[in-house]
C-alpha cells in the first residue's frame, strides 16, 4: 500500500463508506505502535458480473451410485 498510495486511499474509501476507525496508541515490548478497530465492507470491491455458459456437458463415464 505504500507504493501505490492513491490506489490504497481509494480502496479504503470504498471499504469504509463513512465508517470510522478508532486508533489507540500502544507500547509492546518497547515498540510504539497503534491498535485499531472499526468496521469495513468488501462488497463494493467484489461487485461485478459474470457470464455463464448456456449448455454444459456431463463428463464421460458418469455413473450413479445407489445407497
Protein backbone atom coordinates (compact mmCIF):
# COMPACT_ATOMS: atom_id res chain seq x y z
CA UNK A 1 0.00 0.00 0.00
CA UNK A 2 2.94 2.35 0.50
CA UNK A 3 3.99 2.11 -3.14
CA UNK A 4 0.54 2.92 -4.52
CA UNK A 5 -0.80 5.47 -2.06
CA UNK A 6 -3.52 6.93 -4.31
CA UNK A 7 -4.97 3.49 -5.09
CA UNK A 8 -4.74 2.46 -1.41
CA UNK A 9 -6.69 5.54 -0.32
CA UNK A 10 -9.36 4.88 -2.94
CA UNK A 11 -9.63 1.27 -1.76
CA UNK A 12 -10.00 2.35 1.87
CA UNK A 13 -12.67 4.92 0.96
CA UNK A 14 -14.72 2.19 -0.73
CA UNK A 15 -14.29 -0.18 2.20
CA UNK A 16 -15.08 2.34 4.94
CA UNK A 17 -18.00 4.26 3.35
CA UNK A 18 -18.29 6.84 6.15
CA UNK A 19 -17.46 4.45 8.98
CA UNK A 20 -14.81 5.46 11.47
CA UNK A 21 -11.72 3.62 12.64
CA UNK A 22 -10.56 4.06 16.23
CA UNK A 23 -6.79 4.19 16.84
CA UNK A 24 -5.27 3.54 20.24
CA UNK A 25 -1.55 4.15 20.86
CA UNK A 26 0.28 1.14 22.29
CA UNK A 27 3.71 0.20 23.56
CA UNK A 28 4.52 -3.50 23.33
CA UNK A 29 7.96 -4.94 24.01
CA UNK A 30 9.39 -1.43 23.89
CA UNK A 31 7.94 -0.73 20.43
CA UNK A 32 5.49 2.12 19.88
CA UNK A 33 2.53 1.42 17.60
CA UNK A 34 -1.23 1.69 17.21
CA UNK A 35 -4.05 -0.76 17.73
CA UNK A 36 -7.04 -0.04 15.55
CA UNK A 37 -10.59 -1.27 15.29
CA UNK A 38 -13.59 -0.50 13.16
CA UNK A 39 -15.92 -1.93 10.55
CA UNK A 40 -15.32 -2.23 6.83
CA UNK A 41 -17.11 -3.86 3.92
CA UNK A 42 -15.66 -5.57 0.87
CA UNK A 43 -18.96 -5.73 -1.01
CA UNK A 44 -18.07 -2.68 -3.14
CA UNK A 45 -14.80 -4.35 -4.10
CA UNK A 46 -16.43 -7.61 -5.14
CA UNK A 47 -19.33 -6.18 -7.13
CA UNK A 48 -19.39 -7.23 -10.76
CA UNK A 49 -20.96 -9.63 -13.21
CA UNK A 50 -20.05 -12.90 -14.86
CA UNK A 51 -21.39 -14.79 -17.84
CA UNK A 52 -22.29 -18.46 -17.59
CA UNK A 53 -22.43 -21.00 -20.41
CA UNK A 54 -25.90 -21.79 -21.73
CA UNK A 55 -25.16 -25.51 -22.08
CA UNK A 56 -22.93 -27.92 -20.20
CA UNK A 57 -21.89 -31.49 -20.92
CA UNK A 58 -21.56 -34.26 -18.37
CA UNK A 59 -18.21 -35.98 -18.07
CA UNK A 60 -17.72 -39.35 -19.78
CA UNK A 61 -18.03 -42.41 -17.59
CA UNK A 62 -20.59 -40.80 -15.26
CA UNK A 63 -22.23 -43.41 -13.03
CA UNK A 64 -24.99 -43.12 -10.47
CA UNK A 65 -24.48 -44.81 -7.15
CA UNK A 66 -27.47 -46.06 -5.24
CA UNK A 67 -27.34 -46.31 -1.49
